[in-house]
């Protein structure tokens, strides 16, 4: 079998496979989070997030934004807890320096402590 026929069969199979995946995965909210940062962020953002000591209501949007855009510092986090794992987030932007401590339980995520510093 020459190269052109092999390429044609490969392309046909590839296209059938792509159509199959598009048909079955079109309505689902699927994502490919392989890195630990992405997996934890995705897990926290799927759950109901509650604030244990919210100082200002406008801080809630800043906090949710820093969860999605921030970095998890695993060296400061306590992931060995059985009931609720504790994660430490940092987000340094041009406007604010933010750190969060989030308890990630099975059914909800609780923001236990946070700090927002404005940069001049």
C-alpha atoms as a PDB file:
ATOM      1  CA  UNK A   1       0.000   0.000   0.000  1.00  0.00           C
ATOM      2  CA  UNK A   2       1.536   3.293  -1.036  1.00  0.00           C
ATOM      3  CA  UNK A   3       1.792   6.441   1.060  1.00  0.00           C
ATOM      4  CA  UNK A   4      -1.215   8.230  -0.475  1.00  0.00           C
ATOM      5  CA  UNK A   5      -3.592   5.360   0.389  1.00  0.00           C
ATOM      6  CA  UNK A   6      -2.245   5.147   3.945  1.00  0.00           C
ATOM      7  CA  UNK A   7      -2.632   8.908   4.364  1.00  0.00           C
ATOM      8  CA  UNK A   8      -6.203   8.733   3.038  1.00  0.00           C
ATOM      9  CA  UNK A   9      -7.182   5.932   5.439  1.00  0.00           C
ATOM     10  CA  UNK A  10      -5.509   7.708   8.346  1.00  0.00           C
ATOM     11  CA  UNK A  11      -7.280  11.004   7.533  1.00  0.00           C
ATOM     12  CA  UNK A  12     -10.664   9.285   7.204  1.00  0.00           C
ATOM     13  CA  UNK A  13     -10.230   7.529  10.560  1.00  0.00           C
ATOM     14  CA  UNK A  14      -9.018  10.718  12.196  1.00  0.00           C
ATOM     15  CA  UNK A  15     -12.040  12.676  10.922  1.00  0.00           C
ATOM     16  CA  UNK A  16     -14.484   9.972  12.084  1.00  0.00           C
ATOM     17  CA  UNK A  17     -12.832  10.010  15.510  1.00  0.00           C
ATOM     18  CA  UNK A  18     -13.038  13.806  15.746  1.00  0.00           C
ATOM     19  CA  UNK A  19     -16.724  13.800  14.786  1.00  0.00           C
ATOM     20  CA  UNK A  20     -17.352  11.065  17.361  1.00  0.00           C
ATOM     21  CA  UNK A  21     -15.668  13.129  20.108  1.00  0.00           C
ATOM     22  CA  UNK A  22     -17.432  16.336  19.097  1.00  0.00           C
ATOM     23  CA  UNK A  23     -20.805  14.576  19.173  1.00  0.00           C
ATOM     24  CA  UNK A  24     -20.351  13.009  22.618  1.00  0.00           C
ATOM     25  CA  UNK A  25     -18.427  15.822  24.330  1.00  0.00           C
ATOM     26  CA  UNK A  26     -20.303  18.816  22.910  1.00  0.00           C
ATOM     27  CA  UNK A  27     -22.798  19.310  25.760  1.00  0.00           C
ATOM     28  CA  UNK A  28     -20.536  18.399  28.644  1.00  0.00           C
ATOM     29  CA  UNK A  29     -18.366  20.754  30.641  1.00  0.00           C
ATOM     30  CA  UNK A  30     -15.151  18.845  30.142  1.00  0.00           C
ATOM     31  CA  UNK A  31     -11.668  20.104  30.690  1.00  0.00           C
ATOM     32  CA  UNK A  32      -8.198  18.641  30.611  1.00  0.00           C
ATOM     33  CA  UNK A  33      -6.562  19.707  33.850  1.00  0.00           C
ATOM     34  CA  UNK A  34      -3.432  17.672  34.310  1.00  0.00           C
ATOM     35  CA  UNK A  35      -1.325  20.021  36.431  1.00  0.00           C
ATOM     36  CA  UNK A  36      -1.942  20.144  40.213  1.00  0.00           C
ATOM     37  CA  UNK A  37      -2.579  23.908  40.194  1.00  0.00           C
ATOM     38  CA  UNK A  38      -5.300  23.625  37.569  1.00  0.00           C
ATOM     39  CA  UNK A  39      -6.955  20.620  39.195  1.00  0.00           C
ATOM     40  CA  UNK A  40      -7.233  22.291  42.604  1.00  0.00           C
ATOM     41  CA  UNK A  41      -8.473  25.597  41.149  1.00  0.00           C
ATOM     42  CA  UNK A  42     -11.092  23.820  39.038  1.00  0.00           C
ATOM     43  CA  UNK A  43     -12.241  21.770  42.032  1.00  0.00           C
ATOM     44  CA  UNK A  44     -12.572  24.853  44.266  1.00  0.00           C
ATOM     45  CA  UNK A  45     -14.378  26.945  41.664  1.00  0.00           C
ATOM     46  CA  UNK A  46     -16.972  24.183  41.062  1.00  0.00           C
ATOM     47  CA  UNK A  47     -18.054  24.214  44.712  1.00  0.00           C
ATOM     48  CA  UNK A  48     -20.039  26.685  46.779  1.00  0.00           C
ATOM     49  CA  UNK A  49     -17.548  29.149  48.218  1.00  0.00           C
ATOM     50  CA  UNK A  50     -18.248  30.661  51.623  1.00  0.00           C
ATOM     51  CA  UNK A  51     -16.357  33.375  53.467  1.00  0.00           C
ATOM     52  CA  UNK A  52     -15.714  32.915  57.177  1.00  0.00           C
ATOM     53  CA  UNK A  53     -14.645  36.519  57.866  1.00  0.00           C
ATOM     54  CA  UNK A  54     -15.378  38.802  54.925  1.00  0.00           C
ATOM     55  CA  UNK A  55     -14.365  42.358  55.790  1.00  0.00           C
ATOM     56  CA  UNK A  56     -15.799  44.089  52.747  1.00  0.00           C
ATOM     57  CA  UNK A  57     -18.401  42.797  50.270  1.00  0.00           C
ATOM     58  CA  UNK A  58     -16.485  44.211  47.307  1.00  0.00           C
ATOM     59  CA  UNK A  59     -13.557  41.978  48.289  1.00  0.00           C
ATOM     60  CA  UNK A  60     -15.479  38.882  47.210  1.00  0.00           C
ATOM     61  CA  UNK A  61     -14.996  39.590  43.486  1.00  0.00           C
ATOM     62  CA  UNK A  62     -11.302  40.294  44.003  1.00  0.00           C
ATOM     63  CA  UNK A  63     -10.958  37.039  45.944  1.00  0.00           C
ATOM     64  CA  UNK A  64     -12.751  34.946  43.305  1.00  0.00           C
ATOM     65  CA  UNK A  65     -10.597  36.526  40.598  1.00  0.00           C
ATOM     66  CA  UNK A  66      -7.438  35.753  42.540  1.00  0.00           C
ATOM     67  CA  UNK A  67      -8.478  32.105  42.903  1.00  0.00           C
ATOM     68  CA  UNK A  68      -8.691  31.754  39.130  1.00  0.00           C
ATOM     69  CA  UNK A  69      -5.572  33.785  38.326  1.00  0.00           C
ATOM     70  CA  UNK A  70      -3.411  33.145  41.377  1.00  0.00           C
ATOM     71  CA  UNK A  71      -0.836  30.501  42.147  1.00  0.00           C
ATOM     72  CA  UNK A  72      -1.113  27.808  44.791  1.00  0.00           C
ATOM     73  CA  UNK A  73       1.901  27.643  47.081  1.00  0.00           C
ATOM     74  CA  UNK A  74       2.005  23.952  47.954  1.00  0.00           C
ATOM     75  CA  UNK A  75       4.897  24.396  50.393  1.00  0.00           C
ATOM     76  CA  UNK A  76       2.662  26.572  52.622  1.00  0.00           C
ATOM     77  CA  UNK A  77      -0.459  24.445  52.060  1.00  0.00           C
ATOM     78  CA  UNK A  78      -1.562  21.567  54.276  1.00  0.00           C
ATOM     79  CA  UNK A  79      -2.856  18.850  51.969  1.00  0.00           C
ATOM     80  CA  UNK A  80      -2.520  16.010  54.476  1.00  0.00           C
ATOM     81  CA  UNK A  81      -5.695  16.866  56.385  1.00  0.00           C
ATOM     82  CA  UNK A  82      -8.411  14.242  56.107  1.00  0.00           C
ATOM     83  CA  UNK A  83     -11.572  16.357  56.280  1.00  0.00           C
ATOM     84  CA  UNK A  84     -10.722  19.669  54.563  1.00  0.00           C
ATOM     85  CA  UNK A  85      -7.428  20.253  52.800  1.00  0.00           C
ATOM     86  CA  UNK A  86      -5.949  23.710  53.262  1.00  0.00           C
ATOM     87  CA  UNK A  87      -4.492  25.584  50.285  1.00  0.00           C
ATOM     88  CA  UNK A  88      -2.527  28.823  50.244  1.00  0.00           C
ATOM     89  CA  UNK A  89      -3.016  31.082  47.201  1.00  0.00           C
ATOM     90  CA  UNK A  90      -0.971  34.100  46.140  1.00  0.00           C
ATOM     91  CA  UNK A  91      -1.812  36.571  43.413  1.00  0.00           C
ATOM     92  CA  UNK A  92       0.497  39.505  42.728  1.00  0.00           C
ATOM     93  CA  UNK A  93      -0.902  41.882  40.148  1.00  0.00           C
ATOM     94  CA  UNK A  94      -0.087  45.481  39.259  1.00  0.00           C
ATOM     95  CA  UNK A  95      -2.833  46.727  41.577  1.00  0.00           C
ATOM     96  CA  UNK A  96      -2.984  44.314  44.524  1.00  0.00           C
ATOM     97  CA  UNK A  97      -0.986  41.759  46.433  1.00  0.00           C
ATOM     98  CA  UNK A  98      -3.399  39.085  47.618  1.00  0.00           C
ATOM     99  CA  UNK A  99      -2.997  35.903  49.616  1.00  0.00           C
ATOM    100  CA  UNK A 100      -5.754  33.485  50.570  1.00  0.00           C
ATOM    101  CA  UNK A 101      -6.082  30.464  52.801  1.00  0.00           C
ATOM    102  CA  UNK A 102      -8.853  28.177  51.535  1.00  0.00           C
ATOM    103  CA  UNK A 103     -10.191  25.036  53.199  1.00  0.00           C
ATOM    104  CA  UNK A 104     -11.325  22.697  50.441  1.00  0.00           C
ATOM    105  CA  UNK A 105     -13.932  20.283  51.831  1.00  0.00           C
ATOM    106  CA  UNK A 106     -15.872  17.647  49.889  1.00  0.00           C
ATOM    107  CA  UNK A 107     -19.020  19.730  49.384  1.00  0.00           C
ATOM    108  CA  UNK A 108     -17.840  23.345  49.821  1.00  0.00           C
ATOM    109  CA  UNK A 109     -14.809  25.604  49.928  1.00  0.00           C
ATOM    110  CA  UNK A 110     -14.316  27.989  52.851  1.00  0.00           C
ATOM    111  CA  UNK A 111     -12.065  31.025  52.633  1.00  0.00           C
ATOM    112  CA  UNK A 112     -10.721  31.086  56.168  1.00  0.00           C
ATOM    113  CA  UNK A 113      -8.239  33.952  55.914  1.00  0.00           C
ATOM    114  CA  UNK A 114      -7.150  36.495  53.337  1.00  0.00           C
ATOM    115  CA  UNK A 115      -5.212  39.702  52.912  1.00  0.00           C
ATOM    116  CA  UNK A 116      -5.439  42.339  50.182  1.00  0.00           C
ATOM    117  CA  UNK A 117      -2.734  45.013  49.970  1.00  0.00           C
ATOM    118  CA  UNK A 118      -3.017  47.824  47.459  1.00  0.00           C
ATOM    119  CA  UNK A 119       0.171  48.701  45.606  1.00  0.00           C
ATOM    120  CA  UNK A 120       0.825  52.410  45.205  1.00  0.00           C
END
